[in-house]
All heavy atoms as atom14 arrays in JSON, in Angstrom:
{
  "sequence": "KSFARFTSENCKGFFIFYKPDQTFIGTAKLDKISQ",
  "atom14_mask": [
    [1, 1, 1, 1, 1, 1, 1, 1, 1, 0, 0, 0, 0, 0],
    [1, 1, 1, 1, 1, 1, 0, 0, 0, 0, 0, 0, 0, 0],
    [1, 1, 1, 1, 1, 1, 1, 1, 1, 1, 1, 0, 0, 0],
    [1, 1, 1, 1, 1, 0, 0, 0, 0, 0, 0, 0, 0, 0],
    [1, 1, 1, 1, 1, 1, 1, 1, 1, 1, 1, 0, 0, 0],
    [1, 1, 1, 1, 1, 1, 1, 1, 1, 1, 1, 0, 0, 0],
    [1, 1, 1, 1, 1, 1, 1, 0, 0, 0, 0, 0, 0, 0],
    [1, 1, 1, 1, 1, 1, 0, 0, 0, 0, 0, 0, 0, 0],
    [1, 1, 1, 1, 1, 1, 1, 1, 1, 0, 0, 0, 0, 0],
    [1, 1, 1, 1, 1, 1, 1, 1, 0, 0, 0, 0, 0, 0],
    [1, 1, 1, 1, 1, 1, 0, 0, 0, 0, 0, 0, 0, 0],
    [1, 1, 1, 1, 1, 1, 1, 1, 1, 0, 0, 0, 0, 0],
    [1, 1, 1, 1, 0, 0, 0, 0, 0, 0, 0, 0, 0, 0],
    [1, 1, 1, 1, 1, 1, 1, 1, 1, 1, 1, 0, 0, 0],
    [1, 1, 1, 1, 1, 1, 1, 1, 1, 1, 1, 0, 0, 0],
    [1, 1, 1, 1, 1, 1, 1, 1, 0, 0, 0, 0, 0, 0],
    [1, 1, 1, 1, 1, 1, 1, 1, 1, 1, 1, 0, 0, 0],
    [1, 1, 1, 1, 1, 1, 1, 1, 1, 1, 1, 1, 0, 0],
    [1, 1, 1, 1, 1, 1, 1, 1, 1, 0, 0, 0, 0, 0],
    [1, 1, 1, 1, 1, 1, 1, 0, 0, 0, 0, 0, 0, 0],
    [1, 1, 1, 1, 1, 1, 1, 1, 0, 0, 0, 0, 0, 0],
    [1, 1, 1, 1, 1, 1, 1, 1, 1, 0, 0, 0, 0, 0],
    [1, 1, 1, 1, 1, 1, 1, 0, 0, 0, 0, 0, 0, 0],
    [1, 1, 1, 1, 1, 1, 1, 1, 1, 1, 1, 0, 0, 0],
    [1, 1, 1, 1, 1, 1, 1, 1, 0, 0, 0, 0, 0, 0],
    [1, 1, 1, 1, 0, 0, 0, 0, 0, 0, 0, 0, 0, 0],
    [1, 1, 1, 1, 1, 1, 1, 0, 0, 0, 0, 0, 0, 0],
    [1, 1, 1, 1, 1, 0, 0, 0, 0, 0, 0, 0, 0, 0],
    [1, 1, 1, 1, 1, 1, 1, 1, 1, 0, 0, 0, 0, 0],
    [1, 1, 1, 1, 1, 1, 1, 1, 0, 0, 0, 0, 0, 0],
    [1, 1, 1, 1, 1, 1, 1, 1, 0, 0, 0, 0, 0, 0],
    [1, 1, 1, 1, 1, 1, 1, 1, 1, 0, 0, 0, 0, 0],
    [1, 1, 1, 1, 1, 1, 1, 1, 0, 0, 0, 0, 0, 0],
    [1, 1, 1, 1, 1, 1, 0, 0, 0, 0, 0, 0, 0, 0],
    [1, 1, 1, 1, 1, 1, 1, 1, 1, 0, 0, 0, 0, 0]
  ],
  "atom14_positions": [
    [[43.72, 55.94, 36.98], [42.78, 55.75, 38.08], [41.41, 55.29, 37.56], [40.75, 54.46, 38.19], [42.63, 57.05, 38.88], [43.85, 57.41, 39.68], [43.67, 58.76, 40.36], [44.99, 59.23, 40.97], [44.92, 60.62, 41.42], [0.0, 0.0, 0.0], [0.0, 0.0, 0.0], [0.0, 0.0, 0.0], [0.0, 0.0, 0.0], [0.0, 0.0, 0.0]],
    [[41.02, 55.82, 36.41], [39.75, 55.39, 35.8], [39.82, 53.9, 35.44], [38.86, 53.16, 35.69], [39.45, 56.2, 34.54], [39.21, 57.54, 34.85], [0.0, 0.0, 0.0], [0.0, 0.0, 0.0], [0.0, 0.0, 0.0], [0.0, 0.0, 0.0], [0.0, 0.0, 0.0], [0.0, 0.0, 0.0], [0.0, 0.0, 0.0], [0.0, 0.0, 0.0]],
    [[40.93, 53.49, 34.86], [41.08, 52.07, 34.51], [41.02, 51.2, 35.76], [40.37, 50.14, 35.74], [42.39, 51.84, 33.75], [42.25, 51.92, 32.26], [42.19, 53.15, 31.63], [42.15, 50.78, 31.49], [42.05, 53.24, 30.25], [42.01, 50.85, 30.11], [41.96, 52.09, 29.49], [0.0, 0.0, 0.0], [0.0, 0.0, 0.0], [0.0, 0.0, 0.0]],
    [[41.65, 51.63, 36.84], [41.61, 50.86, 38.08], [40.17, 50.75, 38.59], [39.72, 49.67, 39.0], [42.52, 51.49, 39.13], [0.0, 0.0, 0.0], [0.0, 0.0, 0.0], [0.0, 0.0, 0.0], [0.0, 0.0, 0.0], [0.0, 0.0, 0.0], [0.0, 0.0, 0.0], [0.0, 0.0, 0.0], [0.0, 0.0, 0.0], [0.0, 0.0, 0.0]],
    [[39.46, 51.86, 38.56], [38.08, 51.86, 39.04], [37.17, 51.01, 38.16], [36.37, 50.23, 38.66], [37.56, 53.3, 39.08], [36.12, 53.39, 39.5], [35.66, 54.83, 39.62], [34.22, 54.88, 39.7], [33.5, 55.88, 39.25], [34.08, 56.94, 38.73], [32.19, 55.86, 39.33], [0.0, 0.0, 0.0], [0.0, 0.0, 0.0], [0.0, 0.0, 0.0]],
    [[37.29, 51.19, 36.84], [36.36, 50.51, 35.93], [36.71, 49.06, 35.65], [36.06, 48.41, 34.84], [36.22, 51.31, 34.64], [35.59, 52.67, 34.85], [36.14, 53.8, 34.29], [34.45, 52.81, 35.61], [35.57, 55.05, 34.49], [33.87, 54.05, 35.83], [34.44, 55.17, 35.27], [0.0, 0.0, 0.0], [0.0, 0.0, 0.0], [0.0, 0.0, 0.0]],
    [[37.72, 48.55, 36.32], [38.03, 47.12, 36.25], [37.94, 46.49, 37.64], [38.36, 45.36, 37.82], [39.44, 46.88, 35.64], [40.41, 47.58, 36.43], [39.5, 47.33, 34.2], [0.0, 0.0, 0.0], [0.0, 0.0, 0.0], [0.0, 0.0, 0.0], [0.0, 0.0, 0.0], [0.0, 0.0, 0.0], [0.0, 0.0, 0.0], [0.0, 0.0, 0.0]],
    [[37.4, 47.23, 38.61], [37.26, 46.71, 39.97], [36.08, 45.74, 40.06], [35.28, 45.62, 39.12], [37.09, 47.86, 40.96], [35.86, 48.51, 40.76], [0.0, 0.0, 0.0], [0.0, 0.0, 0.0], [0.0, 0.0, 0.0], [0.0, 0.0, 0.0], [0.0, 0.0, 0.0], [0.0, 0.0, 0.0], [0.0, 0.0, 0.0], [0.0, 0.0, 0.0]],
    [[35.96, 45.1, 41.2], [34.95, 44.05, 41.38], [33.52, 44.55, 41.23], [32.67, 43.85, 40.68], [35.13, 43.41, 42.76], [34.25, 42.21, 42.98], [34.51, 41.55, 44.32], [35.65, 41.62, 44.81], [33.55, 40.99, 44.87], [0.0, 0.0, 0.0], [0.0, 0.0, 0.0], [0.0, 0.0, 0.0], [0.0, 0.0, 0.0], [0.0, 0.0, 0.0]],
    [[33.24, 45.77, 41.69], [31.85, 46.24, 41.65], [31.61, 47.28, 40.56], [30.66, 48.05, 40.62], [31.43, 46.79, 43.02], [32.18, 48.05, 43.39], [33.24, 48.35, 42.82], [31.65, 48.8, 44.33], [0.0, 0.0, 0.0], [0.0, 0.0, 0.0], [0.0, 0.0, 0.0], [0.0, 0.0, 0.0], [0.0, 0.0, 0.0], [0.0, 0.0, 0.0]],
    [[32.46, 47.28, 39.54], [32.28, 48.21, 38.43], [32.74, 47.54, 37.13], [33.78, 46.9, 37.1], [33.09, 49.48, 38.69], [32.8, 50.75, 37.44], [0.0, 0.0, 0.0], [0.0, 0.0, 0.0], [0.0, 0.0, 0.0], [0.0, 0.0, 0.0], [0.0, 0.0, 0.0], [0.0, 0.0, 0.0], [0.0, 0.0, 0.0], [0.0, 0.0, 0.0]],
    [[31.94, 47.69, 36.11], [32.28, 47.17, 34.78], [32.29, 48.34, 33.82], [31.25, 48.93, 33.53], [31.26, 46.13, 34.3], [30.99, 44.99, 35.27], [32.17, 44.07, 35.38], [31.84, 42.93, 36.33], [32.97, 42.52, 37.12], [0.0, 0.0, 0.0], [0.0, 0.0, 0.0], [0.0, 0.0, 0.0], [0.0, 0.0, 0.0], [0.0, 0.0, 0.0]],
    [[33.49, 48.68, 33.34], [33.63, 49.78, 32.39], [33.9, 49.26, 30.99], [34.57, 48.24, 30.82], [0.0, 0.0, 0.0], [0.0, 0.0, 0.0], [0.0, 0.0, 0.0], [0.0, 0.0, 0.0], [0.0, 0.0, 0.0], [0.0, 0.0, 0.0], [0.0, 0.0, 0.0], [0.0, 0.0, 0.0], [0.0, 0.0, 0.0], [0.0, 0.0, 0.0]],
    [[33.39, 49.98, 30.01], [33.51, 49.58, 28.6], [33.85, 50.78, 27.73], [33.39, 51.89, 27.99], [32.18, 48.99, 28.09], [31.69, 47.82, 28.88], [30.8, 48.0, 29.92], [32.12, 46.54, 28.58], [30.33, 46.93, 30.65], [31.66, 45.46, 29.32], [30.76, 45.66, 30.36], [0.0, 0.0, 0.0], [0.0, 0.0, 0.0], [0.0, 0.0, 0.0]],
    [[34.59, 50.53, 26.69], [34.76, 51.51, 25.63], [33.73, 51.17, 24.55], [33.49, 50.01, 24.25], [36.18, 51.47, 25.05], [37.18, 52.12, 25.94], [37.98, 51.37, 26.78], [37.31, 53.52, 25.98], [38.89, 51.96, 27.62], [38.21, 54.12, 26.83], [39.01, 53.34, 27.66], [0.0, 0.0, 0.0], [0.0, 0.0, 0.0], [0.0, 0.0, 0.0]],
    [[33.14, 52.2, 23.99], [32.14, 52.03, 22.93], [32.87, 52.01, 21.6], [33.53, 52.97, 21.22], [31.11, 53.18, 22.96], [30.44, 53.27, 24.33], [30.08, 53.0, 21.85], [29.69, 54.58, 24.56], [0.0, 0.0, 0.0], [0.0, 0.0, 0.0], [0.0, 0.0, 0.0], [0.0, 0.0, 0.0], [0.0, 0.0, 0.0], [0.0, 0.0, 0.0]],
    [[32.74, 50.89, 20.9], [33.39, 50.71, 19.6], [32.34, 50.81, 18.5], [31.37, 50.06, 18.5], [34.09, 49.35, 19.55], [34.92, 49.14, 18.32], [36.09, 49.85, 18.12], [34.54, 48.21, 17.36], [36.87, 49.65, 17.0], [35.3, 48.01, 16.24], [36.48, 48.72, 16.05], [0.0, 0.0, 0.0], [0.0, 0.0, 0.0], [0.0, 0.0, 0.0]],
    [[32.54, 51.76, 17.58], [31.61, 51.95, 16.46], [32.18, 51.2, 15.26], [33.16, 51.61, 14.65], [31.45, 53.45, 16.17], [30.4, 53.74, 15.12], [29.06, 53.44, 15.35], [30.76, 54.32, 13.91], [28.1, 53.71, 14.39], [29.79, 54.6, 12.95], [28.46, 54.29, 13.2], [27.51, 54.55, 12.24], [0.0, 0.0, 0.0], [0.0, 0.0, 0.0]],
    [[31.56, 50.07, 14.96], [32.1, 49.14, 13.96], [32.18, 49.7, 12.54], [33.17, 49.44, 11.85], [31.3, 47.83, 13.99], [31.58, 47.04, 15.27], [30.65, 45.87, 15.48], [30.68, 44.89, 14.35], [29.85, 43.71, 14.61], [0.0, 0.0, 0.0], [0.0, 0.0, 0.0], [0.0, 0.0, 0.0], [0.0, 0.0, 0.0], [0.0, 0.0, 0.0]],
    [[31.18, 50.46, 12.05], [31.29, 50.95, 10.67], [32.56, 51.78, 10.42], [33.12, 51.72, 9.33], [30.04, 51.8, 10.49], [29.05, 51.2, 11.43], [29.86, 50.79, 12.63], [0.0, 0.0, 0.0], [0.0, 0.0, 0.0], [0.0, 0.0, 0.0], [0.0, 0.0, 0.0], [0.0, 0.0, 0.0], [0.0, 0.0, 0.0], [0.0, 0.0, 0.0]],
    [[33.01, 52.53, 11.42], [34.21, 53.35, 11.25], [35.44, 52.75, 11.94], [36.51, 53.35, 11.93], [33.97, 54.76, 11.8], [32.95, 55.53, 10.98], [32.6, 55.08, 9.86], [32.48, 56.58, 11.45], [0.0, 0.0, 0.0], [0.0, 0.0, 0.0], [0.0, 0.0, 0.0], [0.0, 0.0, 0.0], [0.0, 0.0, 0.0], [0.0, 0.0, 0.0]],
    [[35.25, 51.58, 12.58], [36.35, 50.91, 13.29], [37.06, 51.85, 14.25], [38.28, 51.98, 14.25], [37.35, 50.31, 12.28], [36.78, 49.18, 11.45], [36.52, 47.93, 12.29], [37.44, 47.32, 12.79], [35.25, 47.57, 12.45], [0.0, 0.0, 0.0], [0.0, 0.0, 0.0], [0.0, 0.0, 0.0], [0.0, 0.0, 0.0], [0.0, 0.0, 0.0]],
    [[36.24, 52.54, 15.1], [36.81, 53.51, 16.03], [36.08, 53.5, 17.36], [34.9, 53.12, 17.43], [36.79, 54.93, 15.41], [37.58, 55.79, 16.2], [35.38, 55.48, 15.28], [0.0, 0.0, 0.0], [0.0, 0.0, 0.0], [0.0, 0.0, 0.0], [0.0, 0.0, 0.0], [0.0, 0.0, 0.0], [0.0, 0.0, 0.0], [0.0, 0.0, 0.0]],
    [[36.78, 53.94, 18.38], [36.18, 54.1, 19.7], [35.58, 55.5, 19.8], [36.21, 56.47, 19.37], [37.23, 53.88, 20.8], [37.66, 52.46, 20.91], [38.81, 52.02, 20.27], [36.91, 51.54, 21.62], [39.21, 50.69, 20.35], [37.3, 50.21, 21.7], [38.45, 49.79, 21.08], [0.0, 0.0, 0.0], [0.0, 0.0, 0.0], [0.0, 0.0, 0.0]],
    [[34.37, 55.57, 20.35], [33.66, 56.86, 20.37], [33.28, 57.31, 21.77], [32.8, 58.43, 21.94], [32.41, 56.82, 19.48], [31.39, 55.81, 20.0], [32.79, 56.53, 18.03], [30.03, 55.93, 19.36], [0.0, 0.0, 0.0], [0.0, 0.0, 0.0], [0.0, 0.0, 0.0], [0.0, 0.0, 0.0], [0.0, 0.0, 0.0], [0.0, 0.0, 0.0]],
    [[33.47, 56.47, 22.78], [33.07, 56.87, 24.12], [33.21, 55.74, 25.11], [33.88, 54.73, 24.85], [0.0, 0.0, 0.0], [0.0, 0.0, 0.0], [0.0, 0.0, 0.0], [0.0, 0.0, 0.0], [0.0, 0.0, 0.0], [0.0, 0.0, 0.0], [0.0, 0.0, 0.0], [0.0, 0.0, 0.0], [0.0, 0.0, 0.0], [0.0, 0.0, 0.0]],
    [[32.54, 55.91, 26.25], [32.6, 54.93, 27.33], [31.21, 54.67, 27.9], [30.3, 55.49, 27.77], [33.51, 55.42, 28.48], [32.96, 56.61, 29.03], [34.93, 55.66, 28.0], [0.0, 0.0, 0.0], [0.0, 0.0, 0.0], [0.0, 0.0, 0.0], [0.0, 0.0, 0.0], [0.0, 0.0, 0.0], [0.0, 0.0, 0.0], [0.0, 0.0, 0.0]],
    [[31.07, 53.51, 28.53], [29.83, 53.15, 29.23], [30.23, 52.36, 30.47], [31.31, 51.76, 30.51], [28.93, 52.31, 28.34], [0.0, 0.0, 0.0], [0.0, 0.0, 0.0], [0.0, 0.0, 0.0], [0.0, 0.0, 0.0], [0.0, 0.0, 0.0], [0.0, 0.0, 0.0], [0.0, 0.0, 0.0], [0.0, 0.0, 0.0], [0.0, 0.0, 0.0]],
    [[29.37, 52.38, 31.48], [29.72, 51.67, 32.71], [28.49, 51.19, 33.45], [27.39, 51.73, 33.31], [30.52, 52.58, 33.64], [29.68, 53.72, 34.19], [30.44, 54.58, 35.17], [29.55, 55.72, 35.64], [30.15, 56.52, 36.66], [0.0, 0.0, 0.0], [0.0, 0.0, 0.0], [0.0, 0.0, 0.0], [0.0, 0.0, 0.0], [0.0, 0.0, 0.0]],
    [[28.72, 50.17, 34.23], [27.82, 49.74, 35.29], [28.64, 49.88, 36.56], [29.66, 49.21, 36.73], [27.38, 48.29, 35.1], [26.47, 48.05, 33.9], [26.33, 46.56, 33.62], [25.1, 48.68, 34.13], [0.0, 0.0, 0.0], [0.0, 0.0, 0.0], [0.0, 0.0, 0.0], [0.0, 0.0, 0.0], [0.0, 0.0, 0.0], [0.0, 0.0, 0.0]],
    [[28.23, 50.76, 37.44], [29.01, 51.12, 38.62], [28.22, 50.78, 39.87], [27.0, 50.65, 39.83], [29.33, 52.62, 38.57], [30.52, 53.0, 39.42], [31.11, 52.14, 40.09], [30.86, 54.2, 39.42], [0.0, 0.0, 0.0], [0.0, 0.0, 0.0], [0.0, 0.0, 0.0], [0.0, 0.0, 0.0], [0.0, 0.0, 0.0], [0.0, 0.0, 0.0]],
    [[28.93, 50.64, 40.97], [28.31, 50.33, 42.27], [27.41, 49.11, 42.14], [26.27, 49.09, 42.64], [27.56, 51.54, 42.81], [28.47, 52.73, 43.03], [27.73, 53.94, 43.52], [28.69, 55.12, 43.62], [28.03, 56.38, 43.79], [0.0, 0.0, 0.0], [0.0, 0.0, 0.0], [0.0, 0.0, 0.0], [0.0, 0.0, 0.0], [0.0, 0.0, 0.0]],
    [[27.92, 48.09, 41.46], [27.17, 46.85, 41.29], [27.0, 46.19, 42.65], [27.98, 45.95, 43.35], [27.89, 45.9, 40.31], [28.01, 46.56, 38.93], [27.16, 44.57, 40.21], [28.93, 45.83, 37.96], [0.0, 0.0, 0.0], [0.0, 0.0, 0.0], [0.0, 0.0, 0.0], [0.0, 0.0, 0.0], [0.0, 0.0, 0.0], [0.0, 0.0, 0.0]],
    [[25.76, 45.91, 43.01], [25.46, 45.31, 44.3], [24.87, 43.92, 44.11], [23.83, 43.77, 43.46], [24.47, 46.17, 45.08], [24.01, 45.47, 46.23], [0.0, 0.0, 0.0], [0.0, 0.0, 0.0], [0.0, 0.0, 0.0], [0.0, 0.0, 0.0], [0.0, 0.0, 0.0], [0.0, 0.0, 0.0], [0.0, 0.0, 0.0], [0.0, 0.0, 0.0]],
    [[25.54, 42.93, 44.67], [24.99, 41.57, 44.67], [24.06, 41.37, 45.87], [23.45, 40.32, 46.01], [26.13, 40.54, 44.68], [26.96, 40.56, 43.42], [26.13, 40.34, 42.15], [25.19, 39.55, 42.14], [26.47, 41.06, 41.1], [0.0, 0.0, 0.0], [0.0, 0.0, 0.0], [0.0, 0.0, 0.0], [0.0, 0.0, 0.0], [0.0, 0.0, 0.0]]
  ]
}
């Protein structure tokens, strides 16, 4: 359900990738995007 929400038209979800350790450490989002 999170994936469905964070890939919808008015929401942009991201996983935070920490390059030095080549690992994912969290998430970030822009939600309720209003044009």
